[in-house]
Amino acid sequence: MYYFIERMTEEDIEQVQAIERASFSTLWSANTYRHELRSPSTSRYIVARASPIPPPPRAERQPVRRGLLASLLPALFGQQPSLRDVPIVGYGGVWLSVDEGHITTIAVAPEYRGRGIGELLLNGLIDQALDLHADVLTLEVRVSNVVAQQLYLKYGFRPAGTRPRYYTDNGEDALIMWTDPIRTPAYQEKLRHLRERLFARLREEAEAPEPVRNGVRPGMQ
């Protein structure tokens, strides 16, 4: 299976909300997503799509960013695919506040978790933050979500405090995490090495047969 990142559009909201319902107890309305998507100077949202083969390119779709991530993907998997009929399997968003990029959400469809898609989305959001001229990144994560915290630590996020009872569904605290400046040569070099390892993993994923779950392969329904 091949995974690709592109900018979210209003046509994607229905699929995004299906993943959101499977991932979170507090949900955004379709109008909230539309408002965010119509403010690209301060907010960016992306989706991850899954395809059994790399589809041909579609020139009218805008790439996420002509930067490191965008330049490496074609080299590894061929040209960016035509994605209109390829299902969305994850999404994420980032806001800009002055020079700070705030990652608002990352979610992956339950049946596609554990394949590196969340990490791919995080890389896409880092590129979006750089495109918005953010100097640092921040986010909140549940104190109990150790798996997500490990991913963020890997990409240079560090704990910087907590927000008590931040999550309204169960009153759980949020861990606040921040990066050092993301435009420095040191961070960019770290990012390049992490992406090389991620893309090696995704290449293996693309070459591996799809697992059968309950007699059905993903995408067959």
N, C-alpha and C. Protein backbone atom coordinates (compact mmCIF):
# COMPACT_ATOMS: atom_id res chain seq x y z
N MET A 1 0.84 -1.19 0.00
CA MET A 1 0.00 0.00 0.00
C MET A 1 0.88 1.24 0.00
N TYR A 2 0.51 2.22 -0.84
CA TYR A 2 1.24 3.49 -0.94
C TYR A 2 0.45 4.57 -0.20
N TYR A 3 1.17 5.46 0.50
CA TYR A 3 0.53 6.54 1.23
C TYR A 3 1.03 7.87 0.71
N PHE A 4 0.10 8.82 0.54
CA PHE A 4 0.41 10.11 -0.04
C PHE A 4 -0.24 11.22 0.78
N ILE A 5 0.43 12.35 0.82
CA ILE A 5 -0.06 13.53 1.53
C ILE A 5 -0.47 14.59 0.52
N GLU A 6 -1.60 15.24 0.78
CA GLU A 6 -2.00 16.41 0.00
C GLU A 6 -2.81 17.35 0.88
N ARG A 7 -3.02 18.56 0.40
CA ARG A 7 -3.81 19.54 1.13
C ARG A 7 -5.28 19.10 1.19
N MET A 8 -5.89 19.28 2.33
CA MET A 8 -7.30 18.97 2.50
C MET A 8 -8.13 20.00 1.73
N THR A 9 -9.23 19.54 1.14
CA THR A 9 -10.19 20.43 0.50
C THR A 9 -11.55 20.24 1.16
N GLU A 10 -12.48 21.11 0.84
CA GLU A 10 -13.82 20.98 1.42
C GLU A 10 -14.49 19.67 1.00
N GLU A 11 -14.14 19.15 -0.15
CA GLU A 11 -14.70 17.87 -0.57
C GLU A 11 -14.25 16.72 0.32
N ASP A 12 -13.18 16.93 1.09
CA ASP A 12 -12.63 15.87 1.93
C ASP A 12 -13.27 15.83 3.31
N ILE A 13 -14.07 16.81 3.66
CA ILE A 13 -14.54 16.95 5.04
C ILE A 13 -15.31 15.73 5.52
N GLU A 14 -16.16 15.17 4.68
CA GLU A 14 -16.97 14.02 5.11
C GLU A 14 -16.10 12.84 5.52
N GLN A 15 -15.09 12.53 4.71
CA GLN A 15 -14.19 11.42 5.05
C GLN A 15 -13.37 11.75 6.30
N VAL A 16 -12.94 12.99 6.41
CA VAL A 16 -12.17 13.41 7.59
C VAL A 16 -13.02 13.25 8.85
N GLN A 17 -14.28 13.65 8.79
CA GLN A 17 -15.13 13.54 9.97
C GLN A 17 -15.39 12.09 10.36
N ALA A 18 -15.39 11.18 9.39
CA ALA A 18 -15.55 9.77 9.73
C ALA A 18 -14.36 9.28 10.54
N ILE A 19 -13.15 9.70 10.16
CA ILE A 19 -11.95 9.34 10.93
C ILE A 19 -11.99 10.01 12.29
N GLU A 20 -12.43 11.26 12.33
CA GLU A 20 -12.52 12.00 13.59
C GLU A 20 -13.45 11.29 14.57
N ARG A 21 -14.61 10.82 14.08
CA ARG A 21 -15.56 10.14 14.96
C ARG A 21 -14.98 8.85 15.54
N ALA A 22 -14.11 8.20 14.76
CA ALA A 22 -13.49 6.96 15.22
C ALA A 22 -12.30 7.22 16.14
N SER A 23 -11.87 8.47 16.25
CA SER A 23 -10.64 8.79 16.97
C SER A 23 -10.84 9.64 18.21
N PHE A 24 -11.85 10.52 18.19
CA PHE A 24 -12.02 11.49 19.27
C PHE A 24 -13.46 11.51 19.75
N SER A 25 -13.65 11.95 20.99
CA SER A 25 -15.01 12.08 21.52
C SER A 25 -15.55 13.50 21.34
N THR A 26 -14.65 14.48 21.19
CA THR A 26 -15.04 15.86 20.93
C THR A 26 -14.82 16.16 19.45
N LEU A 27 -15.89 16.52 18.75
CA LEU A 27 -15.84 16.61 17.30
C LEU A 27 -16.02 18.04 16.81
N TRP A 28 -15.45 18.30 15.63
CA TRP A 28 -15.63 19.59 14.96
C TRP A 28 -16.80 19.47 13.98
N SER A 29 -17.47 20.58 13.76
CA SER A 29 -18.53 20.61 12.76
C SER A 29 -17.93 20.78 11.37
N ALA A 30 -18.73 20.46 10.35
CA ALA A 30 -18.28 20.67 8.98
C ALA A 30 -18.01 22.15 8.73
N ASN A 31 -18.82 23.02 9.32
CA ASN A 31 -18.60 24.46 9.14
C ASN A 31 -17.28 24.92 9.74
N THR A 32 -16.87 24.31 10.85
CA THR A 32 -15.58 24.66 11.44
C THR A 32 -14.46 24.30 10.48
N TYR A 33 -14.52 23.13 9.88
CA TYR A 33 -13.50 22.75 8.90
C TYR A 33 -13.51 23.71 7.71
N ARG A 34 -14.68 24.06 7.24
CA ARG A 34 -14.75 24.98 6.10
C ARG A 34 -14.09 26.31 6.45
N HIS A 35 -14.35 26.81 7.64
CA HIS A 35 -13.75 28.08 8.08
C HIS A 35 -12.23 27.96 8.10
N GLU A 36 -11.72 26.86 8.63
CA GLU A 36 -10.27 26.67 8.69
C GLU A 36 -9.67 26.59 7.30
N LEU A 37 -10.31 25.86 6.41
CA LEU A 37 -9.78 25.67 5.06
C LEU A 37 -9.81 26.96 4.25
N ARG A 38 -10.68 27.87 4.62
CA ARG A 38 -10.78 29.13 3.89
C ARG A 38 -9.86 30.21 4.46
N SER A 39 -9.00 29.82 5.40
CA SER A 39 -8.04 30.77 5.99
C SER A 39 -6.62 30.22 5.85
N PRO A 40 -6.16 30.00 4.61
CA PRO A 40 -4.86 29.34 4.42
C PRO A 40 -3.66 30.15 4.88
N SER A 41 -3.86 31.45 5.13
CA SER A 41 -2.72 32.25 5.59
C SER A 41 -2.40 31.99 7.05
N THR A 42 -3.34 31.38 7.79
CA THR A 42 -3.12 31.10 9.21
C THR A 42 -3.42 29.67 9.61
N SER A 43 -4.02 28.88 8.73
CA SER A 43 -4.31 27.49 9.09
C SER A 43 -4.17 26.60 7.85
N ARG A 44 -3.59 25.44 8.05
CA ARG A 44 -3.39 24.48 6.98
C ARG A 44 -3.82 23.10 7.45
N TYR A 45 -4.51 22.39 6.58
CA TYR A 45 -4.94 21.03 6.89
C TYR A 45 -4.55 20.11 5.74
N ILE A 46 -4.12 18.92 6.09
CA ILE A 46 -3.66 17.95 5.10
C ILE A 46 -4.35 16.62 5.34
N VAL A 47 -4.35 15.78 4.32
CA VAL A 47 -4.88 14.42 4.44
C VAL A 47 -3.84 13.43 3.93
N ALA A 48 -3.92 12.23 4.46
CA ALA A 48 -3.12 11.11 3.95
C ALA A 48 -4.07 10.16 3.23
N ARG A 49 -3.66 9.70 2.06
CA ARG A 49 -4.48 8.78 1.28
C ARG A 49 -3.71 7.48 1.07
N ALA A 50 -4.44 6.38 0.89
CA ALA A 50 -3.85 5.06 0.70
C ALA A 50 -4.27 4.51 -0.66
N SER A 51 -3.30 3.98 -1.40
CA SER A 51 -3.57 3.41 -2.72
C SER A 51 -2.77 2.13 -2.88
N PRO A 52 -3.35 1.08 -3.48
CA PRO A 52 -2.59 -0.16 -3.70
C PRO A 52 -1.50 0.00 -4.75
N ILE A 53 -1.63 1.00 -5.62
CA ILE A 53 -0.60 1.27 -6.63
C ILE A 53 -0.39 2.78 -6.69
N PRO A 54 0.79 3.24 -7.15
CA PRO A 54 0.96 4.69 -7.32
C PRO A 54 0.17 5.15 -8.54
N PRO A 55 -0.93 5.89 -8.37
CA PRO A 55 -1.70 6.36 -9.54
C PRO A 55 -0.91 7.39 -10.34
N PRO A 56 -1.34 7.68 -11.56
CA PRO A 56 -0.65 8.69 -12.38
C PRO A 56 -0.85 10.08 -11.81
N PRO A 57 0.02 11.03 -12.17
CA PRO A 57 -0.09 12.38 -11.62
C PRO A 57 -1.33 13.09 -12.12
N ARG A 58 -1.76 14.07 -11.34
CA ARG A 58 -2.89 14.92 -11.74
C ARG A 58 -2.46 16.36 -11.55
N ALA A 59 -2.21 17.04 -12.64
CA ALA A 59 -1.54 18.35 -12.59
C ALA A 59 -2.35 19.39 -11.85
N GLU A 60 -3.71 19.26 -11.89
CA GLU A 60 -4.50 20.32 -11.30
C GLU A 60 -4.52 20.29 -9.79
N ARG A 61 -4.09 19.19 -9.15
CA ARG A 61 -4.03 19.16 -7.70
C ARG A 61 -2.75 19.82 -7.22
N GLN A 62 -2.85 20.69 -6.25
CA GLN A 62 -1.70 21.42 -5.75
C GLN A 62 -0.92 20.53 -4.80
N PRO A 63 0.41 20.51 -4.88
CA PRO A 63 1.20 19.75 -3.92
C PRO A 63 1.15 20.38 -2.55
N VAL A 64 1.48 19.58 -1.52
CA VAL A 64 1.49 20.09 -0.16
C VAL A 64 2.49 21.22 -0.03
N ARG A 65 3.71 21.00 -0.51
CA ARG A 65 4.74 22.03 -0.45
C ARG A 65 5.90 21.56 -1.29
N ARG A 66 6.44 22.42 -2.11
CA ARG A 66 7.58 22.03 -2.92
C ARG A 66 8.83 22.16 -2.09
N GLY A 67 8.90 21.36 -1.05
CA GLY A 67 10.05 21.37 -0.16
C GLY A 67 10.62 19.99 -0.03
N LEU A 68 11.24 19.71 1.11
CA LEU A 68 11.93 18.45 1.30
C LEU A 68 10.99 17.26 1.15
N LEU A 69 9.84 17.31 1.83
CA LEU A 69 8.92 16.19 1.77
C LEU A 69 8.42 15.98 0.35
N ALA A 70 8.02 17.06 -0.32
CA ALA A 70 7.47 16.95 -1.67
C ALA A 70 8.51 16.44 -2.65
N SER A 71 9.77 16.80 -2.46
CA SER A 71 10.80 16.39 -3.39
C SER A 71 11.23 14.95 -3.18
N LEU A 72 11.12 14.46 -1.95
CA LEU A 72 11.54 13.09 -1.68
C LEU A 72 10.48 12.06 -2.07
N LEU A 73 9.20 12.41 -1.93
CA LEU A 73 8.15 11.44 -2.23
C LEU A 73 8.20 10.91 -3.66
N PRO A 74 8.29 11.78 -4.68
CA PRO A 74 8.35 11.24 -6.04
C PRO A 74 9.58 10.36 -6.27
N ALA A 75 10.69 10.69 -5.65
CA ALA A 75 11.89 9.89 -5.84
C ALA A 75 11.70 8.49 -5.28
N LEU A 76 10.89 8.37 -4.23
CA LEU A 76 10.71 7.07 -3.60
C LEU A 76 9.58 6.28 -4.24
N PHE A 77 8.49 6.96 -4.59
CA PHE A 77 7.29 6.25 -5.00
C PHE A 77 6.80 6.63 -6.39
N GLY A 78 7.55 7.42 -7.15
CA GLY A 78 7.05 7.90 -8.43
C GLY A 78 6.35 9.22 -8.26
N GLN A 79 5.71 9.70 -9.30
CA GLN A 79 5.07 11.01 -9.26
C GLN A 79 3.89 11.01 -8.29
N GLN A 80 3.52 12.21 -7.80
CA GLN A 80 2.33 12.35 -6.98
C GLN A 80 1.13 11.81 -7.75
N PRO A 81 0.26 11.06 -7.08
CA PRO A 81 -0.82 10.36 -7.77
C PRO A 81 -2.04 11.24 -8.01
N SER A 82 -2.94 10.72 -8.84
CA SER A 82 -4.28 11.27 -8.92
C SER A 82 -5.05 10.71 -7.73
N LEU A 83 -5.58 11.60 -6.88
CA LEU A 83 -6.04 11.14 -5.58
C LEU A 83 -7.53 11.28 -5.34
N ARG A 84 -8.30 11.72 -6.33
CA ARG A 84 -9.71 11.99 -6.07
C ARG A 84 -10.47 10.75 -5.59
N ASP A 85 -10.15 9.57 -6.14
CA ASP A 85 -10.87 8.36 -5.78
C ASP A 85 -10.10 7.49 -4.80
N VAL A 86 -9.02 8.01 -4.23
CA VAL A 86 -8.21 7.25 -3.29
C VAL A 86 -8.66 7.60 -1.88
N PRO A 87 -8.97 6.62 -1.03
CA PRO A 87 -9.55 6.93 0.28
C PRO A 87 -8.60 7.67 1.20
N ILE A 88 -9.17 8.54 2.03
CA ILE A 88 -8.42 9.23 3.06
C ILE A 88 -8.27 8.31 4.27
N VAL A 89 -7.06 8.20 4.80
CA VAL A 89 -6.81 7.32 5.94
C VAL A 89 -6.26 8.09 7.14
N GLY A 90 -6.07 9.39 7.00
CA GLY A 90 -5.59 10.19 8.12
C GLY A 90 -5.62 11.67 7.74
N TYR A 91 -5.51 12.51 8.76
CA TYR A 91 -5.52 13.96 8.50
C TYR A 91 -4.83 14.67 9.65
N GLY A 92 -4.50 15.94 9.43
CA GLY A 92 -3.88 16.74 10.47
C GLY A 92 -3.99 18.21 10.14
N GLY A 93 -3.77 19.06 11.15
CA GLY A 93 -3.87 20.49 10.94
C GLY A 93 -2.88 21.26 11.78
N VAL A 94 -2.55 22.46 11.31
CA VAL A 94 -1.66 23.35 12.04
C VAL A 94 -2.15 24.78 11.90
N TRP A 95 -2.09 25.54 13.00
CA TRP A 95 -2.42 26.96 13.01
C TRP A 95 -1.15 27.77 13.16
N LEU A 96 -1.15 28.97 12.62
CA LEU A 96 -0.04 29.90 12.83
C LEU A 96 -0.49 31.01 13.76
N SER A 97 0.31 31.27 14.81
CA SER A 97 0.10 32.39 15.71
C SER A 97 1.41 33.14 15.82
N VAL A 98 1.48 34.28 15.15
CA VAL A 98 2.72 35.07 15.05
C VAL A 98 3.78 34.19 14.40
N ASP A 99 4.78 33.72 15.17
CA ASP A 99 5.82 32.86 14.59
C ASP A 99 5.76 31.44 15.14
N GLU A 100 4.62 31.07 15.75
CA GLU A 100 4.47 29.74 16.34
C GLU A 100 3.47 28.92 15.55
N GLY A 101 3.85 27.70 15.19
CA GLY A 101 2.94 26.77 14.56
C GLY A 101 2.35 25.86 15.63
N HIS A 102 1.02 25.85 15.74
CA HIS A 102 0.33 25.03 16.73
C HIS A 102 -0.34 23.86 16.02
N ILE A 103 0.17 22.66 16.24
CA ILE A 103 -0.46 21.47 15.64
C ILE A 103 -1.75 21.20 16.38
N THR A 104 -2.87 21.31 15.67
CA THR A 104 -4.18 21.22 16.30
C THR A 104 -4.69 19.80 16.39
N THR A 105 -4.35 18.96 15.44
CA THR A 105 -4.89 17.61 15.43
C THR A 105 -4.10 16.73 14.48
N ILE A 106 -4.00 15.45 14.82
CA ILE A 106 -3.51 14.41 13.92
C ILE A 106 -4.33 13.16 14.25
N ALA A 107 -4.88 12.53 13.24
CA ALA A 107 -5.65 11.30 13.46
C ALA A 107 -5.48 10.37 12.26
N VAL A 108 -5.45 9.08 12.54
CA VAL A 108 -5.34 8.04 11.51
C VAL A 108 -6.50 7.07 11.70
N ALA A 109 -7.10 6.63 10.62
CA ALA A 109 -8.19 5.65 10.69
C ALA A 109 -7.72 4.41 11.46
N PRO A 110 -8.54 3.87 12.35
CA PRO A 110 -8.09 2.78 13.22
C PRO A 110 -7.46 1.61 12.48
N GLU A 111 -8.01 1.24 11.33
CA GLU A 111 -7.49 0.07 10.61
C GLU A 111 -6.15 0.34 9.93
N TYR A 112 -5.70 1.58 9.91
CA TYR A 112 -4.43 1.92 9.27
C TYR A 112 -3.37 2.38 10.26
N ARG A 113 -3.64 2.27 11.54
CA ARG A 113 -2.67 2.71 12.54
C ARG A 113 -1.50 1.74 12.63
N GLY A 114 -0.37 2.26 13.07
CA GLY A 114 0.82 1.44 13.22
C GLY A 114 1.61 1.24 11.95
N ARG A 115 1.32 2.03 10.91
CA ARG A 115 2.01 1.87 9.63
C ARG A 115 2.90 3.07 9.27
N GLY A 116 3.04 4.01 10.17
CA GLY A 116 3.86 5.18 9.88
C GLY A 116 3.10 6.34 9.29
N ILE A 117 1.76 6.23 9.20
CA ILE A 117 0.97 7.30 8.59
C ILE A 117 0.93 8.52 9.49
N GLY A 118 0.83 8.32 10.81
CA GLY A 118 0.86 9.44 11.72
C GLY A 118 2.16 10.22 11.62
N GLU A 119 3.27 9.49 11.49
CA GLU A 119 4.56 10.14 11.33
C GLU A 119 4.64 10.89 10.00
N LEU A 120 4.07 10.29 8.95
CA LEU A 120 4.05 10.97 7.66
C LEU A 120 3.24 12.26 7.74
N LEU A 121 2.09 12.20 8.43
CA LEU A 121 1.28 13.41 8.61
C LEU A 121 2.04 14.47 9.40
N LEU A 122 2.74 14.06 10.45
CA LEU A 122 3.52 15.01 11.23
C LEU A 122 4.55 15.71 10.35
N ASN A 123 5.20 14.97 9.46
CA ASN A 123 6.16 15.57 8.53
C ASN A 123 5.47 16.56 7.61
N GLY A 124 4.29 16.21 7.13
CA GLY A 124 3.55 17.14 6.28
C GLY A 124 3.19 18.41 7.01
N LEU A 125 2.83 18.31 8.29
CA LEU A 125 2.49 19.49 9.07
C LEU A 125 3.73 20.34 9.35
N ILE A 126 4.86 19.71 9.55
CA ILE A 126 6.10 20.48 9.72
C ILE A 126 6.37 21.30 8.45
N ASP A 127 6.19 20.69 7.29
CA ASP A 127 6.37 21.43 6.04
C ASP A 127 5.38 22.58 5.92
N GLN A 128 4.13 22.33 6.33
CA GLN A 128 3.14 23.41 6.27
C GLN A 128 3.52 24.55 7.21
N ALA A 129 4.02 24.21 8.39
CA ALA A 129 4.45 25.25 9.34
C ALA A 129 5.61 26.05 8.77
N LEU A 130 6.54 25.38 8.13
CA LEU A 130 7.66 26.09 7.50
C LEU A 130 7.15 27.00 6.40
N ASP A 131 6.18 26.53 5.63
CA ASP A 131 5.61 27.33 4.55
C ASP A 131 4.90 28.57 5.09
N LEU A 132 4.35 28.46 6.30
CA LEU A 132 3.69 29.60 6.95
C LEU A 132 4.68 30.50 7.69
N HIS A 133 5.97 30.15 7.61
CA HIS A 133 7.05 30.93 8.23
C HIS A 133 7.05 30.82 9.75
N ALA A 134 6.57 29.70 10.27
CA ALA A 134 6.67 29.46 11.71
C ALA A 134 8.12 29.17 12.08
N ASP A 135 8.51 29.60 13.26
CA ASP A 135 9.87 29.35 13.74
C ASP A 135 9.94 28.17 14.71
N VAL A 136 8.85 27.93 15.44
CA VAL A 136 8.79 26.82 16.38
C VAL A 136 7.43 26.15 16.24
N LEU A 137 7.32 24.96 16.80
CA LEU A 137 6.05 24.22 16.80
C LEU A 137 5.66 23.87 18.22
N THR A 138 4.37 23.83 18.47
CA THR A 138 3.85 23.42 19.76
C THR A 138 2.59 22.59 19.57
N LEU A 139 2.22 21.85 20.60
CA LEU A 139 1.02 21.02 20.55
C LEU A 139 0.64 20.62 21.97
N GLU A 140 -0.58 20.10 22.13
CA GLU A 140 -1.01 19.47 23.36
C GLU A 140 -1.31 18.01 23.07
N VAL A 141 -0.99 17.15 24.01
CA VAL A 141 -1.24 15.72 23.87
C VAL A 141 -1.68 15.19 25.23
N ARG A 142 -2.58 14.24 25.22
CA ARG A 142 -3.04 13.66 26.49
C ARG A 142 -1.85 13.08 27.27
N VAL A 143 -1.86 13.28 28.58
CA VAL A 143 -0.75 12.76 29.39
C VAL A 143 -0.69 11.25 29.33
N SER A 144 -1.80 10.60 29.02
CA SER A 144 -1.83 9.14 28.94
C SER A 144 -1.40 8.60 27.58
N ASN A 145 -1.27 9.47 26.57
CA ASN A 145 -0.97 9.03 25.21
C ASN A 145 0.54 8.94 25.02
N VAL A 146 1.12 7.89 25.57
CA VAL A 146 2.57 7.73 25.55
C VAL A 146 3.08 7.48 24.13
N VAL A 147 2.32 6.76 23.33
CA VAL A 147 2.74 6.46 21.96
C VAL A 147 2.93 7.75 21.16
N ALA A 148 1.95 8.65 21.23
CA ALA A 148 2.07 9.92 20.51
C ALA A 148 3.22 10.75 21.07
N GLN A 149 3.38 10.75 22.38
CA GLN A 149 4.47 11.52 22.98
C GLN A 149 5.83 11.04 22.48
N GLN A 150 5.99 9.72 22.33
CA GLN A 150 7.26 9.19 21.83
C GLN A 150 7.54 9.67 20.41
N LEU A 151 6.50 9.74 19.58
CA LEU A 151 6.68 10.25 18.22
C LEU A 151 7.11 11.71 18.26
N TYR A 152 6.45 12.52 19.09
CA TYR A 152 6.78 13.93 19.15
C TYR A 152 8.19 14.15 19.70
N LEU A 153 8.58 13.38 20.71
CA LEU A 153 9.94 13.48 21.23
C LEU A 153 10.96 13.18 20.15
N LYS A 154 10.66 12.19 19.32
CA LYS A 154 11.54 11.80 18.23
C LYS A 154 11.79 12.98 17.28
N TYR A 155 10.79 13.83 17.09
CA TYR A 155 10.91 14.97 16.18
C TYR A 155 11.24 16.28 16.90
N GLY A 156 11.80 16.17 18.09
CA GLY A 156 12.34 17.34 18.76
C GLY A 156 11.39 18.11 19.64
N PHE A 157 10.17 17.60 19.86
CA PHE A 157 9.26 18.24 20.81
C PHE A 157 9.69 17.87 22.23
N ARG A 158 9.59 18.85 23.13
CA ARG A 158 9.97 18.62 24.52
C ARG A 158 8.85 19.07 25.45
N PRO A 159 8.62 18.33 26.54
CA PRO A 159 7.59 18.75 27.50
C PRO A 159 7.89 20.13 28.06
N ALA A 160 6.83 20.95 28.19
CA ALA A 160 7.02 22.32 28.69
C ALA A 160 5.91 22.72 29.65
N GLY A 161 5.24 21.74 30.25
CA GLY A 161 4.18 22.05 31.21
C GLY A 161 2.92 21.26 30.90
N THR A 162 1.88 21.51 31.66
CA THR A 162 0.61 20.83 31.47
C THR A 162 -0.54 21.82 31.50
N ARG A 163 -1.65 21.43 30.89
CA ARG A 163 -2.90 22.18 30.99
C ARG A 163 -3.87 21.29 31.78
N PRO A 164 -4.15 21.63 33.03
CA PRO A 164 -5.02 20.77 33.85
C PRO A 164 -6.42 20.64 33.26
N ARG A 165 -6.92 19.40 33.26
CA ARG A 165 -8.29 19.09 32.83
C ARG A 165 -8.61 19.69 31.46
N TYR A 166 -7.66 19.60 30.55
CA TYR A 166 -7.79 20.21 29.22
C TYR A 166 -8.83 19.50 28.37
N TYR A 167 -8.92 18.19 28.52
CA TYR A 167 -9.83 17.41 27.68
C TYR A 167 -11.18 17.28 28.36
N THR A 168 -12.21 17.79 27.67
CA THR A 168 -13.53 17.92 28.29
C THR A 168 -14.25 16.59 28.43
N ASP A 169 -13.85 15.56 27.67
CA ASP A 169 -14.58 14.30 27.74
C ASP A 169 -14.35 13.57 29.06
N ASN A 170 -13.11 13.64 29.59
CA ASN A 170 -12.82 12.94 30.84
C ASN A 170 -12.00 13.77 31.84
N GLY A 171 -11.78 15.05 31.52
CA GLY A 171 -11.04 15.91 32.43
C GLY A 171 -9.56 15.62 32.51
N GLU A 172 -9.02 14.90 31.51
CA GLU A 172 -7.60 14.55 31.54
C GLU A 172 -6.72 15.76 31.27
N ASP A 173 -5.55 15.77 31.90
CA ASP A 173 -4.59 16.84 31.65
C ASP A 173 -3.95 16.70 30.28
N ALA A 174 -3.51 17.83 29.72
CA ALA A 174 -2.75 17.84 28.47
C ALA A 174 -1.30 18.17 28.77
N LEU A 175 -0.40 17.45 28.15
CA LEU A 175 1.02 17.77 28.19
C LEU A 175 1.31 18.75 27.06
N ILE A 176 1.91 19.89 27.39
CA ILE A 176 2.30 20.88 26.38
C ILE A 176 3.71 20.55 25.91
N MET A 177 3.91 20.52 24.61
CA MET A 177 5.23 20.21 24.06
C MET A 177 5.63 21.28 23.05
N TRP A 178 6.94 21.62 23.03
CA TRP A 178 7.48 22.63 22.13
C TRP A 178 8.74 22.09 21.46
N THR A 179 8.99 22.59 20.27
CA THR A 179 10.27 22.31 19.62
C THR A 179 11.23 23.48 19.83
N ASP A 180 12.51 23.23 19.60
CA ASP A 180 13.46 24.31 19.39
C ASP A 180 13.19 24.88 18.00
N PRO A 181 13.86 25.96 17.60
CA PRO A 181 13.63 26.52 16.26
C PRO A 181 13.79 25.47 15.16
N ILE A 182 12.82 25.44 14.25
CA ILE A 182 12.79 24.39 13.23
C ILE A 182 13.47 24.79 11.92
N ARG A 183 13.93 26.03 11.83
CA ARG A 183 14.59 26.48 10.60
C ARG A 183 16.11 26.38 10.67
N THR A 184 16.63 25.98 11.81
CA THR A 184 18.08 25.92 11.96
C THR A 184 18.65 24.77 11.14
N PRO A 185 19.90 24.87 10.71
CA PRO A 185 20.54 23.75 9.99
C PRO A 185 20.52 22.46 10.80
N ALA A 186 20.68 22.57 12.13
CA ALA A 186 20.71 21.37 12.96
C ALA A 186 19.37 20.65 12.92
N TYR A 187 18.26 21.40 13.04
CA TYR A 187 16.95 20.74 13.01
C TYR A 187 16.65 20.20 11.62
N GLN A 188 16.99 20.94 10.58
CA GLN A 188 16.74 20.48 9.23
C GLN A 188 17.52 19.21 8.91
N GLU A 189 18.73 19.11 9.43
CA GLU A 189 19.52 17.89 9.23
C GLU A 189 18.90 16.73 9.99
N LYS A 190 18.45 16.97 11.20
CA LYS A 190 17.76 15.94 11.98
C LYS A 190 16.51 15.47 11.23
N LEU A 191 15.78 16.42 10.67
CA LEU A 191 14.56 16.11 9.94
C LEU A 191 14.86 15.24 8.73
N ARG A 192 15.93 15.57 8.03
CA ARG A 192 16.29 14.79 6.85
C ARG A 192 16.59 13.33 7.21
N HIS A 193 17.32 13.12 8.27
CA HIS A 193 17.65 11.75 8.68
C HIS A 193 16.40 10.98 9.11
N LEU A 194 15.52 11.65 9.85
CA LEU A 194 14.28 11.00 10.27
C LEU A 194 13.43 10.63 9.07
N ARG A 195 13.39 11.50 8.06
CA ARG A 195 12.58 11.22 6.88
C ARG A 195 13.17 10.09 6.05
N GLU A 196 14.46 10.01 5.99
CA GLU A 196 15.07 8.89 5.26
C GLU A 196 14.66 7.57 5.88
N ARG A 197 14.64 7.50 7.21
CA ARG A 197 14.23 6.27 7.88
C ARG A 197 12.73 6.01 7.69
N LEU A 198 11.93 7.08 7.77
CA LEU A 198 10.49 6.92 7.57
C LEU A 198 10.20 6.42 6.17
N PHE A 199 10.83 7.00 5.16
CA PHE A 199 10.55 6.61 3.78
C PHE A 199 11.03 5.19 3.49
N ALA A 200 12.10 4.76 4.15
CA ALA A 200 12.52 3.36 4.02
C ALA A 200 11.43 2.44 4.56
N ARG A 201 10.85 2.83 5.69
CA ARG A 201 9.75 2.04 6.26
C ARG A 201 8.54 2.02 5.33
N LEU A 202 8.20 3.18 4.77
CA LEU A 202 7.05 3.25 3.88
C LEU A 202 7.29 2.47 2.59
N ARG A 203 8.53 2.45 2.13
CA ARG A 203 8.85 1.66 0.95
C ARG A 203 8.61 0.18 1.22
N GLU A 204 9.02 -0.28 2.40
CA GLU A 204 8.76 -1.68 2.77
C GLU A 204 7.26 -1.94 2.85
N GLU A 205 6.53 -0.97 3.40
CA GLU A 205 5.07 -1.10 3.50
C GLU A 205 4.45 -1.21 2.10
N ALA A 206 4.95 -0.42 1.15
CA ALA A 206 4.40 -0.44 -0.20
C ALA A 206 4.63 -1.78 -0.88
N GLU A 207 5.73 -2.42 -0.55
CA GLU A 207 6.08 -3.69 -1.19
C GLU A 207 5.46 -4.89 -0.51
N ALA A 208 4.94 -4.71 0.72
CA ALA A 208 4.39 -5.83 1.48
C ALA A 208 2.95 -6.09 1.07
N PRO A 209 2.49 -7.36 1.09
CA PRO A 209 1.08 -7.64 0.80
C PRO A 209 0.19 -7.10 1.90
N GLU A 210 -1.01 -6.68 1.52
CA GLU A 210 -1.96 -6.16 2.49
C GLU A 210 -2.43 -7.27 3.42
N PRO A 211 -2.45 -7.02 4.75
CA PRO A 211 -2.97 -8.03 5.67
C PRO A 211 -4.47 -8.19 5.50
N VAL A 212 -4.95 -9.42 5.71
CA VAL A 212 -6.38 -9.70 5.65
C VAL A 212 -6.95 -9.62 7.04
N ARG A 213 -7.98 -8.80 7.25
CA ARG A 213 -8.64 -8.66 8.53
C ARG A 213 -10.09 -9.10 8.38
N ASN A 214 -10.47 -10.14 9.15
CA ASN A 214 -11.84 -10.68 9.10
C ASN A 214 -12.23 -11.07 7.67
N GLY A 215 -11.25 -11.60 6.93
CA GLY A 215 -11.51 -12.07 5.57
C GLY A 215 -11.60 -11.00 4.53
N VAL A 216 -11.32 -9.74 4.91
CA VAL A 216 -11.45 -8.61 3.97
C VAL A 216 -10.18 -7.78 4.02
N ARG A 217 -9.64 -7.47 2.86
CA ARG A 217 -8.49 -6.56 2.81
C ARG A 217 -8.99 -5.12 2.83
N PRO A 218 -8.23 -4.20 3.47
CA PRO A 218 -8.64 -2.79 3.45
C PRO A 218 -8.87 -2.30 2.03
N GLY A 219 -9.94 -1.56 1.82
CA GLY A 219 -10.24 -1.03 0.50
C GLY A 219 -11.16 -1.90 -0.33
N MET A 220 -11.48 -3.12 0.19
CA MET A 220 -12.34 -4.03 -0.57
C MET A 220 -13.82 -3.81 -0.30
N GLN A 221 -14.15 -3.11 0.81
CA GLN A 221 -15.55 -2.92 1.13
C GLN A 221 -16.25 -2.07 0.08
